[in-house]
Amino acid sequence: MITDVSFGGSLGYGTAANASVVKATYSNDLEVTTDDSWIVVDSSARNNKPLVVAVGSPHPFNNGLTALGNQQQNPFTTPLAKSGNEANFYGFINTLNLEAGQSKSLVNFVQVGEAGEAGLSNLVATLNGLNQQLDVSGLTPAQIRSISNWDISGIEGLNTGDNLFIPEAPAKLRHLFPL
């Protein structure tokens, strides 16, 4: 089964001082595309702090970001606007290819930085290191193996034979979503 999933929300509001403005991207420009692993947005509001969204390993990694949509208006059918209030509603879309009974995980990072140019520079330096050193501390090898939007091929010790524990859905939900 092939399915699209979206992660996102409002990264700003309006079109004036509180609107989100792209300050940096993985591809080193100010346009968010599927080639990007992360973006930094900020607004022109006084003392505002930049916000980072990291969504997966960059292109050409096959399971990274596959599309962008409007998270508030159905991201799968409504593209992310380039301007206006609608440009604040980022939907980061990943396409998953699942076998029957298989589960996959998406790992996304959100971080608020410090205000000012130095804060922005520090965030970009941290983000550039994220693709080389993905922090998966606290996760089991099975949980790490289920990650589909980051390239985990360089992480050692994942072939431990453990299985991903998937709890059964609560009885209230089973009748709504039978298998």
N, C-alpha and C. Protein backbone atom coordinates (compact mmCIF):
# COMPACT_ATOMS: atom_id res chain seq x y z
N MET A 1 0.84 -1.17 0.00
CA MET A 1 0.00 0.00 0.00
C MET A 1 0.89 1.24 0.00
N ILE A 2 0.57 2.18 -0.83
CA ILE A 2 1.28 3.44 -0.87
C ILE A 2 0.36 4.50 -0.28
N THR A 3 0.87 5.27 0.69
CA THR A 3 0.05 6.30 1.32
C THR A 3 0.88 7.54 1.60
N ASP A 4 0.25 8.67 1.54
CA ASP A 4 0.89 9.94 1.88
C ASP A 4 0.50 10.32 3.29
N VAL A 5 1.45 10.87 4.02
CA VAL A 5 1.20 11.39 5.36
C VAL A 5 1.76 12.80 5.43
N SER A 6 1.13 13.64 6.24
CA SER A 6 1.55 15.03 6.34
C SER A 6 1.80 15.42 7.78
N PHE A 7 2.83 16.20 7.98
CA PHE A 7 3.20 16.76 9.27
C PHE A 7 3.31 18.26 9.06
N GLY A 8 2.76 19.04 9.95
CA GLY A 8 2.91 20.48 9.78
C GLY A 8 1.94 21.27 10.61
N GLY A 9 1.77 22.50 10.22
CA GLY A 9 0.88 23.40 10.93
C GLY A 9 1.18 24.84 10.59
N SER A 10 0.75 25.73 11.44
CA SER A 10 0.92 27.17 11.22
C SER A 10 2.27 27.61 11.75
N LEU A 11 3.11 28.12 10.87
CA LEU A 11 4.43 28.62 11.26
C LEU A 11 4.44 30.14 11.37
N GLY A 12 3.28 30.74 11.26
CA GLY A 12 3.10 32.17 11.39
C GLY A 12 1.64 32.46 11.14
N TYR A 13 1.28 33.73 11.11
CA TYR A 13 -0.09 34.09 10.76
C TYR A 13 -0.13 35.49 10.16
N GLY A 14 -1.12 35.66 9.29
CA GLY A 14 -1.28 36.96 8.65
C GLY A 14 -0.24 37.21 7.57
N THR A 15 -0.17 38.48 7.17
CA THR A 15 0.77 38.86 6.12
C THR A 15 1.69 39.99 6.56
N ALA A 16 1.59 40.42 7.80
CA ALA A 16 2.40 41.54 8.29
C ALA A 16 3.53 41.00 9.18
N ALA A 17 3.74 41.61 10.33
CA ALA A 17 4.89 41.30 11.19
C ALA A 17 4.91 39.86 11.69
N ASN A 18 3.77 39.19 11.79
CA ASN A 18 3.73 37.83 12.33
C ASN A 18 3.74 36.74 11.27
N ALA A 19 3.83 37.09 10.00
CA ALA A 19 3.87 36.11 8.93
C ALA A 19 5.21 35.37 8.95
N SER A 20 5.18 34.09 8.60
CA SER A 20 6.43 33.34 8.54
C SER A 20 7.22 33.74 7.30
N VAL A 21 8.51 33.94 7.49
CA VAL A 21 9.42 34.28 6.41
C VAL A 21 10.55 33.26 6.44
N VAL A 22 10.83 32.64 5.31
CA VAL A 22 11.91 31.65 5.24
C VAL A 22 13.23 32.38 5.38
N LYS A 23 14.03 31.96 6.37
CA LYS A 23 15.34 32.58 6.64
C LYS A 23 16.49 31.71 6.17
N ALA A 24 16.27 30.39 6.08
CA ALA A 24 17.33 29.48 5.64
C ALA A 24 16.70 28.15 5.27
N THR A 25 17.35 27.43 4.35
CA THR A 25 16.93 26.08 3.98
C THR A 25 18.17 25.21 3.81
N TYR A 26 17.96 23.91 3.81
CA TYR A 26 19.06 22.98 3.58
C TYR A 26 19.72 23.24 2.24
N SER A 27 18.94 23.58 1.22
CA SER A 27 19.48 23.79 -0.12
C SER A 27 20.13 25.16 -0.28
N ASN A 28 20.22 25.91 0.81
CA ASN A 28 20.96 27.18 0.83
C ASN A 28 20.31 28.29 0.03
N ASP A 29 18.99 28.22 -0.11
CA ASP A 29 18.26 29.31 -0.75
C ASP A 29 17.08 29.65 0.16
N LEU A 30 16.19 30.47 -0.29
CA LEU A 30 15.06 30.87 0.54
C LEU A 30 13.73 30.34 0.01
N GLU A 31 13.80 29.29 -0.80
CA GLU A 31 12.59 28.64 -1.31
C GLU A 31 12.53 27.21 -0.78
N VAL A 32 11.43 26.86 -0.13
CA VAL A 32 11.26 25.52 0.42
C VAL A 32 10.79 24.59 -0.69
N THR A 33 11.57 23.51 -0.91
CA THR A 33 11.24 22.52 -1.93
C THR A 33 11.45 21.13 -1.34
N THR A 34 11.12 20.12 -2.13
CA THR A 34 11.31 18.74 -1.68
C THR A 34 12.79 18.35 -1.60
N ASP A 35 13.69 19.19 -2.07
CA ASP A 35 15.12 18.93 -1.92
C ASP A 35 15.62 19.28 -0.52
N ASP A 36 14.78 19.92 0.28
CA ASP A 36 15.21 20.39 1.59
C ASP A 36 14.98 19.35 2.69
N SER A 37 15.94 19.29 3.58
CA SER A 37 15.87 18.44 4.75
C SER A 37 15.32 19.22 5.94
N TRP A 38 15.56 20.52 5.93
CA TRP A 38 15.10 21.38 7.03
C TRP A 38 14.87 22.79 6.52
N ILE A 39 14.07 23.54 7.27
CA ILE A 39 13.87 24.96 6.98
C ILE A 39 13.90 25.73 8.29
N VAL A 40 14.24 27.00 8.19
CA VAL A 40 14.17 27.92 9.32
C VAL A 40 13.26 29.05 8.90
N VAL A 41 12.24 29.32 9.72
CA VAL A 41 11.36 30.45 9.48
C VAL A 41 11.41 31.39 10.67
N ASP A 42 11.08 32.62 10.43
CA ASP A 42 11.01 33.64 11.47
C ASP A 42 10.03 34.69 10.98
N SER A 43 9.75 35.65 11.80
CA SER A 43 8.90 36.76 11.38
C SER A 43 9.66 38.05 11.64
N SER A 44 9.08 39.14 11.24
CA SER A 44 9.74 40.42 11.49
C SER A 44 9.28 41.03 12.81
N ALA A 45 8.49 40.29 13.58
CA ALA A 45 8.05 40.80 14.89
C ALA A 45 9.26 40.99 15.80
N ARG A 46 9.23 42.02 16.59
CA ARG A 46 10.35 42.36 17.47
C ARG A 46 10.64 41.23 18.45
N ASN A 47 11.92 40.90 18.62
CA ASN A 47 12.39 39.87 19.55
C ASN A 47 11.84 38.48 19.25
N ASN A 48 11.36 38.25 18.06
CA ASN A 48 10.90 36.92 17.70
C ASN A 48 12.10 36.00 17.55
N LYS A 49 11.89 34.70 17.72
CA LYS A 49 12.97 33.73 17.60
C LYS A 49 12.72 32.82 16.40
N PRO A 50 13.79 32.44 15.71
CA PRO A 50 13.61 31.56 14.55
C PRO A 50 13.14 30.17 14.97
N LEU A 51 12.40 29.53 14.08
CA LEU A 51 11.86 28.19 14.32
C LEU A 51 12.37 27.26 13.23
N VAL A 52 12.84 26.10 13.65
CA VAL A 52 13.37 25.10 12.73
C VAL A 52 12.38 23.95 12.62
N VAL A 53 12.19 23.46 11.41
CA VAL A 53 11.47 22.21 11.19
C VAL A 53 12.40 21.34 10.34
N ALA A 54 12.79 20.19 10.90
CA ALA A 54 13.63 19.23 10.17
C ALA A 54 12.76 18.02 9.85
N VAL A 55 12.67 17.67 8.56
CA VAL A 55 11.68 16.70 8.11
C VAL A 55 12.23 15.42 7.50
N GLY A 56 13.54 15.26 7.40
CA GLY A 56 14.09 14.02 6.86
C GLY A 56 15.39 14.25 6.12
N SER A 57 16.02 13.15 5.75
CA SER A 57 17.25 13.24 4.98
C SER A 57 16.97 13.92 3.65
N PRO A 58 17.95 14.67 3.16
CA PRO A 58 17.74 15.45 1.93
C PRO A 58 17.75 14.58 0.68
N HIS A 59 17.23 15.17 -0.40
CA HIS A 59 17.31 14.59 -1.73
C HIS A 59 18.78 14.29 -2.02
N PRO A 60 19.19 13.18 -2.55
CA PRO A 60 18.43 12.20 -3.29
C PRO A 60 17.92 11.02 -2.45
N PHE A 61 17.92 11.11 -1.11
CA PHE A 61 17.37 10.04 -0.28
C PHE A 61 15.91 9.83 -0.69
N ASN A 62 15.55 8.60 -1.04
CA ASN A 62 14.25 8.33 -1.64
C ASN A 62 13.05 8.50 -0.71
N ASN A 63 13.23 8.43 0.59
CA ASN A 63 12.09 8.49 1.49
C ASN A 63 11.96 9.81 2.22
N GLY A 64 12.64 10.82 1.75
CA GLY A 64 12.54 12.14 2.36
C GLY A 64 11.26 12.84 1.96
N LEU A 65 11.26 14.12 2.04
CA LEU A 65 10.11 14.96 1.73
C LEU A 65 9.69 14.76 0.27
N THR A 66 8.41 14.45 0.03
CA THR A 66 7.96 14.21 -1.33
C THR A 66 7.06 15.31 -1.88
N ALA A 67 6.48 16.14 -1.02
CA ALA A 67 5.62 17.23 -1.49
C ALA A 67 5.41 18.23 -0.36
N LEU A 68 4.89 19.39 -0.73
CA LEU A 68 4.49 20.42 0.24
C LEU A 68 3.05 20.79 -0.05
N GLY A 69 2.27 20.96 1.02
CA GLY A 69 0.88 21.34 0.84
C GLY A 69 0.44 22.32 1.91
N ASN A 70 -0.81 22.73 1.84
CA ASN A 70 -1.41 23.62 2.83
C ASN A 70 -2.01 22.75 3.93
N GLN A 71 -1.36 22.72 5.09
CA GLN A 71 -1.76 21.84 6.19
C GLN A 71 -3.17 22.14 6.70
N GLN A 72 -3.64 23.37 6.54
CA GLN A 72 -4.96 23.75 7.03
C GLN A 72 -6.08 23.45 6.03
N GLN A 73 -5.74 23.22 4.76
CA GLN A 73 -6.75 23.09 3.71
C GLN A 73 -6.67 21.76 2.96
N ASN A 74 -6.22 20.71 3.59
CA ASN A 74 -5.97 19.40 2.98
C ASN A 74 -4.67 19.46 2.19
N PRO A 75 -3.57 19.13 2.84
CA PRO A 75 -2.25 19.26 2.21
C PRO A 75 -2.04 18.34 1.01
N PHE A 76 -2.86 17.31 0.87
CA PHE A 76 -2.68 16.36 -0.23
C PHE A 76 -3.27 16.87 -1.54
N THR A 77 -4.15 17.87 -1.46
CA THR A 77 -4.78 18.40 -2.68
C THR A 77 -4.55 19.90 -2.86
N THR A 78 -4.13 20.59 -1.80
CA THR A 78 -3.96 22.04 -1.86
C THR A 78 -2.49 22.38 -1.70
N PRO A 79 -1.84 22.90 -2.73
CA PRO A 79 -0.41 23.23 -2.63
C PRO A 79 -0.17 24.35 -1.61
N LEU A 80 1.03 24.38 -1.08
CA LEU A 80 1.44 25.47 -0.19
C LEU A 80 1.50 26.76 -1.00
N ALA A 81 0.82 27.78 -0.52
CA ALA A 81 0.82 29.08 -1.22
C ALA A 81 2.19 29.74 -1.10
N LYS A 82 2.52 30.56 -2.06
CA LYS A 82 3.79 31.29 -2.07
C LYS A 82 3.70 32.62 -1.34
N SER A 83 2.46 33.13 -1.15
CA SER A 83 2.29 34.43 -0.49
C SER A 83 0.94 34.47 0.21
N GLY A 84 0.73 35.52 1.01
CA GLY A 84 -0.52 35.69 1.73
C GLY A 84 -0.57 34.85 3.00
N ASN A 85 -1.67 34.93 3.71
CA ASN A 85 -1.83 34.19 4.96
C ASN A 85 -1.67 32.69 4.76
N GLU A 86 -2.15 32.16 3.63
CA GLU A 86 -2.07 30.72 3.35
C GLU A 86 -0.62 30.22 3.26
N ALA A 87 0.34 31.10 3.04
CA ALA A 87 1.74 30.70 2.95
C ALA A 87 2.32 30.33 4.33
N ASN A 88 1.58 30.54 5.39
CA ASN A 88 2.03 30.19 6.74
C ASN A 88 1.73 28.75 7.12
N PHE A 89 0.93 28.04 6.33
CA PHE A 89 0.38 26.74 6.74
C PHE A 89 1.11 25.57 6.08
N TYR A 90 2.31 25.30 6.52
CA TYR A 90 3.17 24.28 5.92
C TYR A 90 2.66 22.87 6.21
N GLY A 91 2.53 22.08 5.15
CA GLY A 91 2.27 20.65 5.26
C GLY A 91 3.42 19.92 4.59
N PHE A 92 4.23 19.22 5.37
CA PHE A 92 5.38 18.48 4.85
C PHE A 92 4.92 17.05 4.59
N ILE A 93 4.93 16.62 3.34
CA ILE A 93 4.34 15.34 2.96
C ILE A 93 5.42 14.31 2.65
N ASN A 94 5.24 13.12 3.23
CA ASN A 94 6.08 11.97 2.94
C ASN A 94 5.19 10.88 2.34
N THR A 95 5.72 10.14 1.39
CA THR A 95 5.01 9.00 0.81
C THR A 95 5.61 7.73 1.38
N LEU A 96 4.74 6.89 1.94
CA LEU A 96 5.19 5.63 2.53
C LEU A 96 4.70 4.46 1.69
N ASN A 97 5.56 3.47 1.50
CA ASN A 97 5.21 2.24 0.83
C ASN A 97 5.21 1.15 1.89
N LEU A 98 4.02 0.66 2.25
CA LEU A 98 3.88 -0.28 3.36
C LEU A 98 3.42 -1.65 2.87
N GLU A 99 4.02 -2.69 3.41
CA GLU A 99 3.56 -4.04 3.19
C GLU A 99 2.44 -4.32 4.21
N ALA A 100 1.61 -5.30 3.95
CA ALA A 100 0.53 -5.65 4.87
C ALA A 100 1.11 -5.94 6.26
N GLY A 101 0.56 -5.32 7.28
CA GLY A 101 1.00 -5.52 8.65
C GLY A 101 2.26 -4.76 9.04
N GLN A 102 2.85 -4.03 8.13
CA GLN A 102 4.09 -3.30 8.39
C GLN A 102 3.80 -1.92 8.97
N SER A 103 4.66 -1.48 9.88
CA SER A 103 4.59 -0.12 10.42
C SER A 103 5.87 0.61 10.10
N LYS A 104 5.75 1.88 9.83
CA LYS A 104 6.92 2.74 9.63
C LYS A 104 6.72 3.97 10.49
N SER A 105 7.81 4.62 10.80
CA SER A 105 7.78 5.81 11.64
C SER A 105 8.38 6.99 10.88
N LEU A 106 7.87 8.16 11.20
CA LEU A 106 8.46 9.40 10.72
C LEU A 106 9.01 10.14 11.93
N VAL A 107 10.21 10.67 11.78
CA VAL A 107 10.83 11.45 12.84
C VAL A 107 11.02 12.87 12.32
N ASN A 108 10.42 13.82 13.01
CA ASN A 108 10.55 15.23 12.67
C ASN A 108 11.07 15.97 13.89
N PHE A 109 11.84 17.00 13.66
CA PHE A 109 12.38 17.80 14.75
C PHE A 109 11.90 19.23 14.61
N VAL A 110 11.51 19.82 15.72
CA VAL A 110 11.13 21.23 15.77
C VAL A 110 11.93 21.86 16.90
N GLN A 111 12.54 23.01 16.62
CA GLN A 111 13.35 23.68 17.63
C GLN A 111 13.21 25.19 17.48
N VAL A 112 13.18 25.88 18.60
CA VAL A 112 13.17 27.34 18.60
C VAL A 112 14.59 27.79 18.92
N GLY A 113 15.11 28.72 18.15
CA GLY A 113 16.46 29.23 18.35
C GLY A 113 16.46 30.53 19.13
N GLU A 114 17.62 31.13 19.19
CA GLU A 114 17.78 32.43 19.85
C GLU A 114 17.56 33.54 18.83
N ALA A 115 17.07 34.67 19.30
CA ALA A 115 16.81 35.81 18.42
C ALA A 115 18.12 36.36 17.84
N GLY A 116 18.01 36.98 16.68
CA GLY A 116 19.16 37.65 16.08
C GLY A 116 19.90 36.79 15.08
N GLU A 117 20.84 37.43 14.38
CA GLU A 117 21.63 36.75 13.35
C GLU A 117 22.51 35.64 13.91
N ALA A 118 23.07 35.86 15.11
CA ALA A 118 23.91 34.82 15.71
C ALA A 118 23.08 33.58 16.02
N GLY A 119 21.85 33.78 16.50
CA GLY A 119 20.96 32.65 16.77
C GLY A 119 20.64 31.88 15.51
N LEU A 120 20.39 32.59 14.42
CA LEU A 120 20.12 31.95 13.14
C LEU A 120 21.34 31.16 12.67
N SER A 121 22.52 31.73 12.76
CA SER A 121 23.75 31.03 12.35
C SER A 121 23.98 29.77 13.17
N ASN A 122 23.73 29.85 14.47
CA ASN A 122 23.90 28.67 15.34
C ASN A 122 22.93 27.56 14.95
N LEU A 123 21.69 27.93 14.65
CA LEU A 123 20.71 26.93 14.24
C LEU A 123 21.13 26.24 12.94
N VAL A 124 21.56 27.01 11.97
CA VAL A 124 21.96 26.44 10.68
C VAL A 124 23.14 25.49 10.86
N ALA A 125 24.10 25.84 11.70
CA ALA A 125 25.24 24.96 11.96
C ALA A 125 24.78 23.64 12.60
N THR A 126 23.86 23.72 13.55
CA THR A 126 23.32 22.52 14.19
C THR A 126 22.58 21.66 13.18
N LEU A 127 21.78 22.29 12.34
CA LEU A 127 21.00 21.54 11.35
C LEU A 127 21.88 20.86 10.32
N ASN A 128 22.94 21.51 9.90
CA ASN A 128 23.84 20.89 8.93
C ASN A 128 24.49 19.64 9.51
N GLY A 129 24.67 19.60 10.82
CA GLY A 129 25.22 18.41 11.47
C GLY A 129 24.19 17.32 11.69
N LEU A 130 22.91 17.66 11.68
CA LEU A 130 21.86 16.68 11.96
C LEU A 130 21.84 15.56 10.94
N ASN A 131 22.11 15.86 9.68
CA ASN A 131 22.09 14.82 8.67
C ASN A 131 23.24 13.82 8.83
N GLN A 132 24.33 14.25 9.47
CA GLN A 132 25.44 13.33 9.71
C GLN A 132 25.29 12.60 11.05
N GLN A 133 24.61 13.19 12.01
CA GLN A 133 24.52 12.61 13.35
C GLN A 133 23.09 12.71 13.86
N LEU A 134 22.22 11.88 13.33
CA LEU A 134 20.82 11.86 13.75
C LEU A 134 20.72 11.37 15.20
N ASP A 135 20.08 12.15 16.06
CA ASP A 135 19.96 11.78 17.47
C ASP A 135 18.79 10.83 17.66
N VAL A 136 19.10 9.57 17.86
CA VAL A 136 18.07 8.55 18.09
C VAL A 136 18.23 7.95 19.48
N SER A 137 18.89 8.68 20.37
CA SER A 137 19.07 8.19 21.73
C SER A 137 17.71 7.96 22.37
N GLY A 138 17.60 6.88 23.11
CA GLY A 138 16.35 6.54 23.77
C GLY A 138 15.45 5.64 22.95
N LEU A 139 15.81 5.41 21.69
CA LEU A 139 15.00 4.52 20.85
C LEU A 139 15.64 3.15 20.77
N THR A 140 14.82 2.11 20.67
CA THR A 140 15.33 0.75 20.52
C THR A 140 15.78 0.55 19.07
N PRO A 141 16.61 -0.46 18.81
CA PRO A 141 16.99 -0.73 17.42
C PRO A 141 15.77 -0.95 16.51
N ALA A 142 14.75 -1.64 17.00
CA ALA A 142 13.55 -1.87 16.18
C ALA A 142 12.86 -0.55 15.86
N GLN A 143 12.78 0.35 16.82
CA GLN A 143 12.17 1.65 16.58
C GLN A 143 12.98 2.45 15.55
N ILE A 144 14.29 2.38 15.67
CA ILE A 144 15.15 3.09 14.72
C ILE A 144 14.99 2.51 13.31
N ARG A 145 14.93 1.19 13.20
CA ARG A 145 14.77 0.56 11.88
C ARG A 145 13.44 0.95 11.22
N SER A 146 12.46 1.34 12.02
CA SER A 146 11.15 1.70 11.45
C SER A 146 11.14 3.12 10.86
N ILE A 147 12.18 3.90 11.14
CA ILE A 147 12.23 5.28 10.64
C ILE A 147 12.38 5.27 9.13
N SER A 148 11.49 5.96 8.46
CA SER A 148 11.53 5.92 7.00
C SER A 148 11.96 7.23 6.35
N ASN A 149 11.93 8.35 7.06
CA ASN A 149 12.24 9.63 6.41
C ASN A 149 13.67 10.12 6.65
N TRP A 150 14.48 9.36 7.35
CA TRP A 150 15.89 9.69 7.54
C TRP A 150 16.73 8.50 7.10
N ASP A 151 17.87 8.76 6.53
CA ASP A 151 18.81 7.71 6.13
C ASP A 151 19.50 7.20 7.39
N ILE A 152 19.16 5.99 7.79
CA ILE A 152 19.72 5.41 9.02
C ILE A 152 20.82 4.39 8.71
N SER A 153 21.24 4.32 7.44
CA SER A 153 22.19 3.28 7.03
C SER A 153 23.54 3.39 7.74
N GLY A 154 23.90 4.56 8.23
CA GLY A 154 25.19 4.72 8.91
C GLY A 154 25.15 4.45 10.41
N ILE A 155 23.99 4.11 10.94
CA ILE A 155 23.87 3.83 12.38
C ILE A 155 24.19 2.37 12.63
N GLU A 156 25.17 2.12 13.48
CA GLU A 156 25.61 0.75 13.74
C GLU A 156 24.77 0.09 14.82
N GLY A 157 24.75 -1.24 14.82
CA GLY A 157 24.11 -2.00 15.88
C GLY A 157 22.61 -2.15 15.76
N LEU A 158 22.08 -2.00 14.56
CA LEU A 158 20.62 -2.08 14.41
C LEU A 158 20.11 -3.48 14.14
N ASN A 159 20.98 -4.41 13.80
CA ASN A 159 20.55 -5.78 13.49
C ASN A 159 20.56 -6.64 14.74
N THR A 160 19.67 -6.33 15.67
CA THR A 160 19.64 -7.04 16.95
C THR A 160 18.57 -8.10 17.01
N GLY A 161 17.70 -8.19 15.99
CA GLY A 161 16.67 -9.22 15.96
C GLY A 161 15.44 -8.87 16.79
N ASP A 162 15.42 -7.71 17.43
CA ASP A 162 14.23 -7.35 18.20
C ASP A 162 13.13 -6.89 17.24
N ASN A 163 11.90 -6.97 17.70
CA ASN A 163 10.76 -6.59 16.87
C ASN A 163 10.11 -5.33 17.40
N LEU A 164 9.53 -4.59 16.50
CA LEU A 164 8.81 -3.38 16.87
C LEU A 164 7.51 -3.77 17.55
N PHE A 165 7.27 -3.28 18.76
CA PHE A 165 6.04 -3.56 19.49
C PHE A 165 4.96 -2.61 19.01
N ILE A 166 3.89 -3.17 18.52
CA ILE A 166 2.76 -2.36 18.06
C ILE A 166 1.56 -2.74 18.92
N PRO A 167 1.14 -1.85 19.79
CA PRO A 167 0.01 -2.18 20.67
C PRO A 167 -1.29 -2.31 19.88
N GLU A 168 -2.19 -3.13 20.41
CA GLU A 168 -3.49 -3.28 19.77
C GLU A 168 -4.31 -2.00 19.99
N ALA A 169 -5.10 -1.66 19.01
CA ALA A 169 -5.95 -0.47 19.13
C ALA A 169 -6.96 -0.67 20.25
N PRO A 170 -7.29 0.40 20.97
CA PRO A 170 -8.32 0.28 22.01
C PRO A 170 -9.63 -0.22 21.42
N ALA A 171 -10.42 -0.93 22.23
CA ALA A 171 -11.67 -1.52 21.75
C ALA A 171 -12.59 -0.48 21.12
N LYS A 172 -12.58 0.75 21.64
CA LYS A 172 -13.44 1.82 21.10
C LYS A 172 -13.11 2.08 19.64
N LEU A 173 -11.84 1.98 19.26
CA LEU A 173 -11.43 2.30 17.90
C LEU A 173 -11.52 1.11 16.95
N ARG A 174 -11.42 -0.10 17.48
CA ARG A 174 -11.42 -1.30 16.61
C ARG A 174 -12.69 -1.39 15.78
N HIS A 175 -13.83 -1.02 16.35
CA HIS A 175 -15.06 -1.11 15.57
C HIS A 175 -15.15 -0.01 14.51
N LEU A 176 -14.44 1.10 14.70
CA LEU A 176 -14.43 2.17 13.72
C LEU A 176 -13.49 1.89 12.56
N PHE A 177 -12.39 1.21 12.85
CA PHE A 177 -11.36 0.95 11.84
C PHE A 177 -11.01 -0.55 11.83
N PRO A 178 -11.93 -1.40 11.41
CA PRO A 178 -11.61 -2.83 11.41
C PRO A 178 -10.54 -3.14 10.37
N LEU A 179 -9.74 -4.16 10.65
CA LEU A 179 -8.68 -4.55 9.71
C LEU A 179 -9.21 -5.45 8.62
